[in-house]
């Protein structure tokens, strides 16, 4: 567990942009078991690639005319049980943080693992997500 003073601004970076924070396994279950339409889920992290690439890229992608209807986030290393529960919906992908997932009607349709985020700019992340939105949203 990270100190709350450290992670609060990192969490607010997404919640201030309209992402709903899922902090318990039951929060995740309730959202995912009843998911209709499109939803973007960001597995947030304290690492530099989350700060410089994943969060800014996810937020920038929402400027597109097509974008997911719902926005959610879980925080790896903070909301551990919620993150573990969310990862059940990301199978067959191994645990990865940060990560960004697009769901349509409860099915995973697009996924960016850490290896797709690390070393890429926020613009590249946004472009990748925007392409997925054009297909699924």
N, C-alpha and C. Protein backbone atom coordinates (compact mmCIF):
# COMPACT_ATOMS: atom_id res chain seq x y z
N UNK A 1 0.84 -1.19 0.00
CA UNK A 1 0.00 0.00 0.00
C UNK A 1 0.88 1.24 0.00
N UNK A 2 0.55 2.14 -0.89
CA UNK A 2 1.27 3.41 -0.98
C UNK A 2 0.62 4.44 -0.06
N UNK A 3 1.39 5.42 0.40
CA UNK A 3 0.80 6.48 1.23
C UNK A 3 -0.30 7.22 0.47
N UNK A 4 -1.41 7.46 1.14
CA UNK A 4 -2.57 8.08 0.50
C UNK A 4 -2.23 9.46 -0.06
N UNK A 5 -1.36 10.20 0.63
CA UNK A 5 -0.98 11.54 0.15
C UNK A 5 -0.24 11.45 -1.18
N UNK A 6 0.46 10.36 -1.42
CA UNK A 6 1.19 10.17 -2.66
C UNK A 6 0.25 9.82 -3.81
N UNK A 7 -0.70 8.94 -3.56
CA UNK A 7 -1.54 8.42 -4.65
C UNK A 7 -2.79 9.26 -4.94
N UNK A 8 -3.20 10.09 -4.00
CA UNK A 8 -4.43 10.87 -4.21
C UNK A 8 -4.37 11.71 -5.49
N UNK A 9 -3.29 12.48 -5.72
CA UNK A 9 -3.27 13.26 -6.97
C UNK A 9 -3.26 12.37 -8.22
N UNK A 10 -2.64 11.21 -8.13
CA UNK A 10 -2.59 10.28 -9.26
C UNK A 10 -3.97 9.71 -9.56
N UNK A 11 -4.70 9.46 -8.52
CA UNK A 11 -6.07 8.96 -8.67
C UNK A 11 -6.99 10.06 -9.19
N UNK A 12 -6.84 11.26 -8.64
CA UNK A 12 -7.68 12.38 -9.05
C UNK A 12 -7.43 12.79 -10.50
N UNK A 13 -6.25 12.50 -11.00
CA UNK A 13 -5.95 12.80 -12.39
C UNK A 13 -7.00 12.18 -13.31
N UNK A 14 -7.43 10.97 -12.98
CA UNK A 14 -8.46 10.30 -13.79
C UNK A 14 -9.88 10.63 -13.32
N UNK A 15 -10.10 10.65 -12.02
CA UNK A 15 -11.47 10.92 -11.55
C UNK A 15 -11.90 12.34 -11.92
N UNK A 16 -10.97 13.29 -11.93
CA UNK A 16 -11.31 14.65 -12.35
C UNK A 16 -11.68 14.70 -13.83
N UNK A 17 -11.23 13.71 -14.59
CA UNK A 17 -11.54 13.64 -16.03
C UNK A 17 -12.80 12.81 -16.30
N UNK A 18 -13.49 12.38 -15.23
CA UNK A 18 -14.75 11.66 -15.41
C UNK A 18 -14.70 10.17 -15.19
N UNK A 19 -13.54 9.63 -14.81
CA UNK A 19 -13.44 8.20 -14.54
C UNK A 19 -13.99 7.91 -13.15
N UNK A 20 -14.76 6.86 -13.04
CA UNK A 20 -15.28 6.41 -11.75
C UNK A 20 -14.28 5.44 -11.15
N UNK A 21 -13.88 5.71 -9.92
CA UNK A 21 -12.93 4.85 -9.23
C UNK A 21 -13.67 3.65 -8.63
N UNK A 22 -13.15 2.46 -8.93
CA UNK A 22 -13.69 1.22 -8.38
C UNK A 22 -12.70 0.74 -7.34
N UNK A 23 -13.09 0.79 -6.08
CA UNK A 23 -12.12 0.52 -5.02
C UNK A 23 -12.32 -0.80 -4.29
N UNK A 24 -13.39 -1.51 -4.60
CA UNK A 24 -13.62 -2.80 -3.96
C UNK A 24 -13.96 -3.85 -5.02
N UNK A 25 -13.76 -5.12 -4.69
CA UNK A 25 -14.16 -6.17 -5.64
C UNK A 25 -15.64 -6.11 -5.98
N UNK A 26 -16.48 -5.76 -5.02
CA UNK A 26 -17.91 -5.69 -5.32
C UNK A 26 -18.22 -4.52 -6.26
N UNK A 27 -17.49 -3.41 -6.15
CA UNK A 27 -17.65 -2.31 -7.11
C UNK A 27 -17.37 -2.81 -8.53
N UNK A 28 -16.28 -3.55 -8.67
CA UNK A 28 -15.87 -4.07 -9.98
C UNK A 28 -16.92 -5.04 -10.50
N UNK A 29 -17.33 -5.97 -9.65
CA UNK A 29 -18.35 -6.95 -10.06
C UNK A 29 -19.63 -6.29 -10.51
N UNK A 30 -20.11 -5.34 -9.74
CA UNK A 30 -21.37 -4.67 -10.06
C UNK A 30 -21.28 -4.00 -11.43
N UNK A 31 -20.18 -3.33 -11.71
CA UNK A 31 -20.01 -2.64 -12.98
C UNK A 31 -19.83 -3.63 -14.13
N UNK A 32 -19.00 -4.62 -13.94
CA UNK A 32 -18.64 -5.52 -15.03
C UNK A 32 -19.72 -6.55 -15.34
N UNK A 33 -20.43 -6.99 -14.36
CA UNK A 33 -21.46 -7.99 -14.59
C UNK A 33 -22.69 -7.39 -15.27
N UNK A 34 -22.84 -6.09 -15.19
CA UNK A 34 -23.99 -5.42 -15.78
C UNK A 34 -23.61 -4.47 -16.90
N UNK A 35 -22.41 -4.61 -17.43
CA UNK A 35 -21.87 -3.66 -18.38
C UNK A 35 -22.57 -3.75 -19.74
N UNK A 36 -23.15 -2.64 -20.15
CA UNK A 36 -23.81 -2.51 -21.46
C UNK A 36 -23.14 -1.37 -22.19
N UNK A 37 -23.05 -1.46 -23.49
CA UNK A 37 -22.41 -0.40 -24.25
C UNK A 37 -20.89 -0.51 -24.13
N UNK A 38 -20.23 0.63 -24.19
CA UNK A 38 -18.77 0.63 -24.16
C UNK A 38 -18.25 1.23 -22.86
N UNK A 39 -17.14 0.67 -22.40
CA UNK A 39 -16.52 1.14 -21.17
C UNK A 39 -15.00 1.07 -21.31
N UNK A 40 -14.33 2.13 -20.86
CA UNK A 40 -12.88 2.17 -20.81
C UNK A 40 -12.46 1.99 -19.37
N UNK A 41 -11.50 1.08 -19.14
CA UNK A 41 -10.98 0.83 -17.80
C UNK A 41 -9.48 1.08 -17.81
N UNK A 42 -9.03 1.97 -16.93
CA UNK A 42 -7.61 2.23 -16.78
C UNK A 42 -7.14 1.59 -15.48
N UNK A 43 -6.17 0.68 -15.59
CA UNK A 43 -5.50 0.15 -14.41
C UNK A 43 -4.40 1.16 -14.11
N UNK A 44 -4.63 1.98 -13.12
CA UNK A 44 -3.72 3.06 -12.77
C UNK A 44 -2.54 2.52 -11.97
N UNK A 45 -1.47 3.29 -11.94
CA UNK A 45 -0.25 2.87 -11.27
C UNK A 45 0.54 4.11 -10.85
N UNK A 46 1.47 3.91 -9.92
CA UNK A 46 2.33 5.02 -9.48
C UNK A 46 3.55 5.20 -10.37
N UNK A 47 3.76 4.32 -11.32
CA UNK A 47 4.97 4.36 -12.14
C UNK A 47 4.98 5.57 -13.09
N UNK A 48 6.13 5.87 -13.58
CA UNK A 48 6.29 7.00 -14.49
C UNK A 48 5.54 6.84 -15.79
N UNK A 49 5.43 5.61 -16.30
CA UNK A 49 4.72 5.44 -17.58
C UNK A 49 3.21 5.66 -17.40
N UNK A 50 2.70 5.47 -16.21
CA UNK A 50 1.29 5.81 -15.96
C UNK A 50 1.12 7.32 -15.96
N UNK A 51 2.06 8.01 -15.32
CA UNK A 51 1.98 9.47 -15.21
C UNK A 51 2.21 10.17 -16.54
N UNK A 52 3.18 9.70 -17.31
CA UNK A 52 3.58 10.40 -18.53
C UNK A 52 2.85 9.91 -19.77
N UNK A 53 2.34 8.68 -19.74
CA UNK A 53 1.80 8.10 -20.96
C UNK A 53 0.36 7.59 -20.81
N UNK A 54 0.13 6.70 -19.85
CA UNK A 54 -1.18 6.05 -19.76
C UNK A 54 -2.30 7.02 -19.40
N UNK A 55 -2.16 7.74 -18.29
CA UNK A 55 -3.23 8.65 -17.89
C UNK A 55 -3.43 9.78 -18.91
N UNK A 56 -2.36 10.46 -19.33
CA UNK A 56 -2.58 11.52 -20.33
C UNK A 56 -3.12 10.98 -21.66
N UNK A 57 -2.66 9.82 -22.07
CA UNK A 57 -3.15 9.23 -23.32
C UNK A 57 -4.62 8.86 -23.24
N UNK A 58 -5.01 8.26 -22.13
CA UNK A 58 -6.42 7.90 -21.94
C UNK A 58 -7.29 9.14 -21.95
N UNK A 59 -6.88 10.18 -21.24
CA UNK A 59 -7.67 11.41 -21.20
C UNK A 59 -7.74 12.07 -22.57
N UNK A 60 -6.62 12.13 -23.27
CA UNK A 60 -6.61 12.76 -24.59
C UNK A 60 -7.49 12.01 -25.58
N UNK A 61 -7.55 10.69 -25.45
CA UNK A 61 -8.37 9.89 -26.36
C UNK A 61 -9.84 10.24 -26.27
N UNK A 62 -10.26 10.78 -25.15
CA UNK A 62 -11.67 11.11 -24.94
C UNK A 62 -12.09 12.37 -25.69
N UNK A 63 -11.12 13.08 -26.27
CA UNK A 63 -11.43 14.27 -27.07
C UNK A 63 -12.00 13.89 -28.44
N UNK A 64 -11.91 12.63 -28.80
CA UNK A 64 -12.43 12.12 -30.06
C UNK A 64 -13.96 12.19 -30.04
N UNK A 65 -14.57 12.36 -31.21
CA UNK A 65 -16.03 12.42 -31.26
C UNK A 65 -16.66 11.09 -30.83
N UNK A 66 -15.99 9.98 -31.13
CA UNK A 66 -16.44 8.68 -30.64
C UNK A 66 -15.56 8.30 -29.46
N UNK A 67 -16.21 7.93 -28.37
CA UNK A 67 -15.47 7.48 -27.19
C UNK A 67 -16.39 6.63 -26.32
N UNK A 68 -15.83 5.90 -25.38
CA UNK A 68 -16.66 5.01 -24.54
C UNK A 68 -17.71 5.79 -23.73
N UNK A 69 -18.79 5.09 -23.47
CA UNK A 69 -19.88 5.68 -22.70
C UNK A 69 -19.55 5.77 -21.21
N UNK A 70 -18.82 4.80 -20.73
CA UNK A 70 -18.48 4.74 -19.30
C UNK A 70 -16.96 4.72 -19.14
N UNK A 71 -16.50 5.31 -18.04
CA UNK A 71 -15.07 5.38 -17.75
C UNK A 71 -14.84 4.91 -16.32
N UNK A 72 -13.93 3.94 -16.16
CA UNK A 72 -13.64 3.39 -14.85
C UNK A 72 -12.13 3.29 -14.64
N UNK A 73 -11.75 3.24 -13.37
CA UNK A 73 -10.35 3.03 -13.04
C UNK A 73 -10.23 2.24 -11.74
N UNK A 74 -9.20 1.42 -11.70
CA UNK A 74 -8.77 0.76 -10.47
C UNK A 74 -7.30 1.11 -10.30
N UNK A 75 -6.83 1.14 -9.07
CA UNK A 75 -5.47 1.57 -8.80
C UNK A 75 -4.65 0.40 -8.27
N UNK A 76 -3.76 -0.12 -9.12
CA UNK A 76 -2.89 -1.22 -8.72
C UNK A 76 -1.97 -0.75 -7.59
N UNK A 77 -1.81 -1.61 -6.59
CA UNK A 77 -0.97 -1.27 -5.46
C UNK A 77 -1.68 -0.46 -4.40
N UNK A 78 -2.88 -0.03 -4.69
CA UNK A 78 -3.68 0.74 -3.73
C UNK A 78 -4.97 -0.03 -3.45
N UNK A 79 -5.78 -0.20 -4.48
CA UNK A 79 -7.02 -0.98 -4.37
C UNK A 79 -6.73 -2.39 -4.86
N UNK A 80 -5.93 -3.10 -4.09
CA UNK A 80 -5.38 -4.39 -4.52
C UNK A 80 -6.46 -5.40 -4.86
N UNK A 81 -7.45 -5.56 -4.01
CA UNK A 81 -8.49 -6.55 -4.24
C UNK A 81 -9.35 -6.17 -5.45
N UNK A 82 -9.65 -4.89 -5.60
CA UNK A 82 -10.43 -4.44 -6.76
C UNK A 82 -9.64 -4.67 -8.05
N UNK A 83 -8.35 -4.41 -8.00
CA UNK A 83 -7.50 -4.62 -9.17
C UNK A 83 -7.45 -6.10 -9.53
N UNK A 84 -7.32 -6.96 -8.52
CA UNK A 84 -7.31 -8.40 -8.78
C UNK A 84 -8.62 -8.85 -9.41
N UNK A 85 -9.72 -8.30 -8.93
CA UNK A 85 -11.02 -8.66 -9.48
C UNK A 85 -11.13 -8.18 -10.93
N UNK A 86 -10.69 -6.96 -11.20
CA UNK A 86 -10.74 -6.45 -12.58
C UNK A 86 -9.90 -7.31 -13.50
N UNK A 87 -8.78 -7.77 -13.03
CA UNK A 87 -7.90 -8.59 -13.87
C UNK A 87 -8.55 -9.91 -14.28
N UNK A 88 -9.53 -10.36 -13.54
CA UNK A 88 -10.28 -11.56 -13.94
C UNK A 88 -11.02 -11.31 -15.26
N UNK A 89 -11.42 -10.08 -15.49
CA UNK A 89 -12.14 -9.73 -16.72
C UNK A 89 -11.19 -9.45 -17.88
N UNK A 90 -9.90 -9.44 -17.59
CA UNK A 90 -8.89 -9.16 -18.61
C UNK A 90 -8.21 -10.42 -19.14
N UNK A 91 -8.68 -11.57 -18.74
CA UNK A 91 -8.11 -12.83 -19.22
C UNK A 91 -8.28 -12.90 -20.73
N UNK A 92 -7.33 -13.42 -21.41
CA UNK A 92 -6.18 -14.23 -20.98
C UNK A 92 -4.91 -13.42 -20.73
N UNK A 93 -5.01 -12.10 -20.66
CA UNK A 93 -3.81 -11.28 -20.47
C UNK A 93 -3.28 -11.41 -19.04
N UNK A 94 -1.96 -11.44 -18.89
CA UNK A 94 -1.38 -11.49 -17.54
C UNK A 94 -1.52 -10.13 -16.86
N UNK A 95 -1.37 -10.09 -15.53
CA UNK A 95 -1.45 -8.82 -14.82
C UNK A 95 -0.47 -7.80 -15.40
N UNK A 96 -0.95 -6.59 -15.54
CA UNK A 96 -0.16 -5.51 -16.12
C UNK A 96 -0.64 -4.20 -15.54
N UNK A 97 0.32 -3.37 -15.12
CA UNK A 97 -0.06 -2.03 -14.70
C UNK A 97 1.08 -1.08 -15.04
N UNK A 98 0.74 0.02 -15.67
CA UNK A 98 -0.61 0.39 -16.04
C UNK A 98 -1.11 -0.45 -17.20
N UNK A 99 -2.38 -0.36 -17.45
CA UNK A 99 -3.01 -1.04 -18.57
C UNK A 99 -4.31 -0.29 -18.88
N UNK A 100 -4.77 -0.44 -20.11
CA UNK A 100 -6.01 0.22 -20.53
C UNK A 100 -6.84 -0.79 -21.32
N UNK A 101 -8.09 -0.95 -20.92
CA UNK A 101 -8.96 -1.94 -21.55
C UNK A 101 -10.23 -1.29 -22.04
N UNK A 102 -10.67 -1.71 -23.21
CA UNK A 102 -11.95 -1.27 -23.76
C UNK A 102 -12.88 -2.48 -23.80
N UNK A 103 -14.05 -2.30 -23.22
CA UNK A 103 -15.07 -3.35 -23.19
C UNK A 103 -16.28 -2.90 -24.00
N UNK A 104 -16.92 -3.85 -24.64
CA UNK A 104 -18.19 -3.58 -25.30
C UNK A 104 -19.16 -4.68 -24.87
N UNK A 105 -20.25 -4.27 -24.28
CA UNK A 105 -21.27 -5.20 -23.77
C UNK A 105 -20.64 -6.30 -22.92
N UNK A 106 -19.70 -5.89 -22.07
CA UNK A 106 -19.09 -6.82 -21.12
C UNK A 106 -17.95 -7.66 -21.67
N UNK A 107 -17.63 -7.50 -22.95
CA UNK A 107 -16.55 -8.29 -23.55
C UNK A 107 -15.35 -7.40 -23.83
N UNK A 108 -14.18 -7.91 -23.49
CA UNK A 108 -12.94 -7.20 -23.75
C UNK A 108 -12.70 -7.18 -25.26
N UNK A 109 -12.59 -5.97 -25.84
CA UNK A 109 -12.41 -5.86 -27.29
C UNK A 109 -11.08 -5.22 -27.68
N UNK A 110 -10.42 -4.55 -26.73
CA UNK A 110 -9.13 -3.91 -27.02
C UNK A 110 -8.37 -3.77 -25.71
N UNK A 111 -7.06 -4.03 -25.76
CA UNK A 111 -6.30 -4.01 -24.51
C UNK A 111 -4.88 -3.52 -24.77
N UNK A 112 -4.46 -2.57 -23.96
CA UNK A 112 -3.08 -2.10 -23.98
C UNK A 112 -2.40 -2.53 -22.69
N UNK A 113 -1.43 -3.41 -22.82
CA UNK A 113 -0.64 -3.83 -21.67
C UNK A 113 0.47 -2.80 -21.43
N UNK A 114 1.13 -2.93 -20.31
CA UNK A 114 2.25 -2.03 -19.99
C UNK A 114 3.25 -1.99 -21.15
N UNK A 115 3.53 -3.13 -21.77
CA UNK A 115 4.52 -3.17 -22.85
C UNK A 115 4.07 -2.37 -24.06
N UNK A 116 2.76 -2.10 -24.19
CA UNK A 116 2.24 -1.26 -25.27
C UNK A 116 2.23 0.22 -24.89
N UNK A 117 2.44 0.50 -23.61
CA UNK A 117 2.38 1.86 -23.08
C UNK A 117 3.78 2.42 -22.84
N UNK A 118 4.59 1.63 -22.18
CA UNK A 118 5.93 2.06 -21.79
C UNK A 118 6.75 2.46 -23.02
N UNK A 119 7.37 3.63 -22.98
CA UNK A 119 8.22 4.08 -24.07
C UNK A 119 7.48 4.73 -25.23
N UNK A 120 6.16 4.83 -25.12
CA UNK A 120 5.37 5.49 -26.17
C UNK A 120 4.80 6.79 -25.61
N UNK A 121 4.56 7.72 -26.46
CA UNK A 121 4.03 9.01 -26.00
C UNK A 121 2.54 8.91 -25.69
N UNK A 122 2.06 9.90 -24.96
CA UNK A 122 0.63 9.98 -24.68
C UNK A 122 -0.15 10.11 -25.98
N UNK A 123 0.41 10.80 -26.97
CA UNK A 123 -0.27 10.94 -28.26
C UNK A 123 -0.43 9.59 -28.96
N UNK A 124 0.60 8.75 -28.90
CA UNK A 124 0.51 7.42 -29.51
C UNK A 124 -0.54 6.58 -28.80
N UNK A 125 -0.57 6.67 -27.48
CA UNK A 125 -1.58 5.94 -26.70
C UNK A 125 -2.98 6.44 -27.10
N UNK A 126 -3.15 7.74 -27.16
CA UNK A 126 -4.45 8.31 -27.53
C UNK A 126 -4.85 7.87 -28.94
N UNK A 127 -3.90 7.89 -29.88
CA UNK A 127 -4.21 7.47 -31.25
C UNK A 127 -4.63 6.00 -31.30
N UNK A 128 -3.94 5.17 -30.54
CA UNK A 128 -4.29 3.75 -30.49
C UNK A 128 -5.72 3.58 -29.98
N UNK A 129 -6.04 4.26 -28.89
CA UNK A 129 -7.38 4.15 -28.32
C UNK A 129 -8.44 4.73 -29.25
N UNK A 130 -8.12 5.85 -29.88
CA UNK A 130 -9.06 6.47 -30.81
C UNK A 130 -9.41 5.53 -31.95
N UNK A 131 -8.42 4.81 -32.45
CA UNK A 131 -8.68 3.82 -33.50
C UNK A 131 -9.64 2.74 -33.01
N UNK A 132 -9.44 2.30 -31.78
CA UNK A 132 -10.35 1.30 -31.21
C UNK A 132 -11.75 1.86 -31.04
N UNK A 133 -11.85 3.13 -30.63
CA UNK A 133 -13.18 3.75 -30.48
C UNK A 133 -13.90 3.80 -31.82
N UNK A 134 -13.17 4.09 -32.88
CA UNK A 134 -13.79 4.16 -34.21
C UNK A 134 -14.41 2.81 -34.59
N UNK A 135 -13.79 1.74 -34.14
CA UNK A 135 -14.29 0.40 -34.44
C UNK A 135 -15.43 -0.02 -33.51
N UNK A 136 -15.31 0.26 -32.23
CA UNK A 136 -16.22 -0.32 -31.24
C UNK A 136 -17.25 0.62 -30.62
N UNK A 137 -17.02 1.93 -30.72
CA UNK A 137 -17.94 2.87 -30.05
C UNK A 137 -18.95 3.47 -31.01
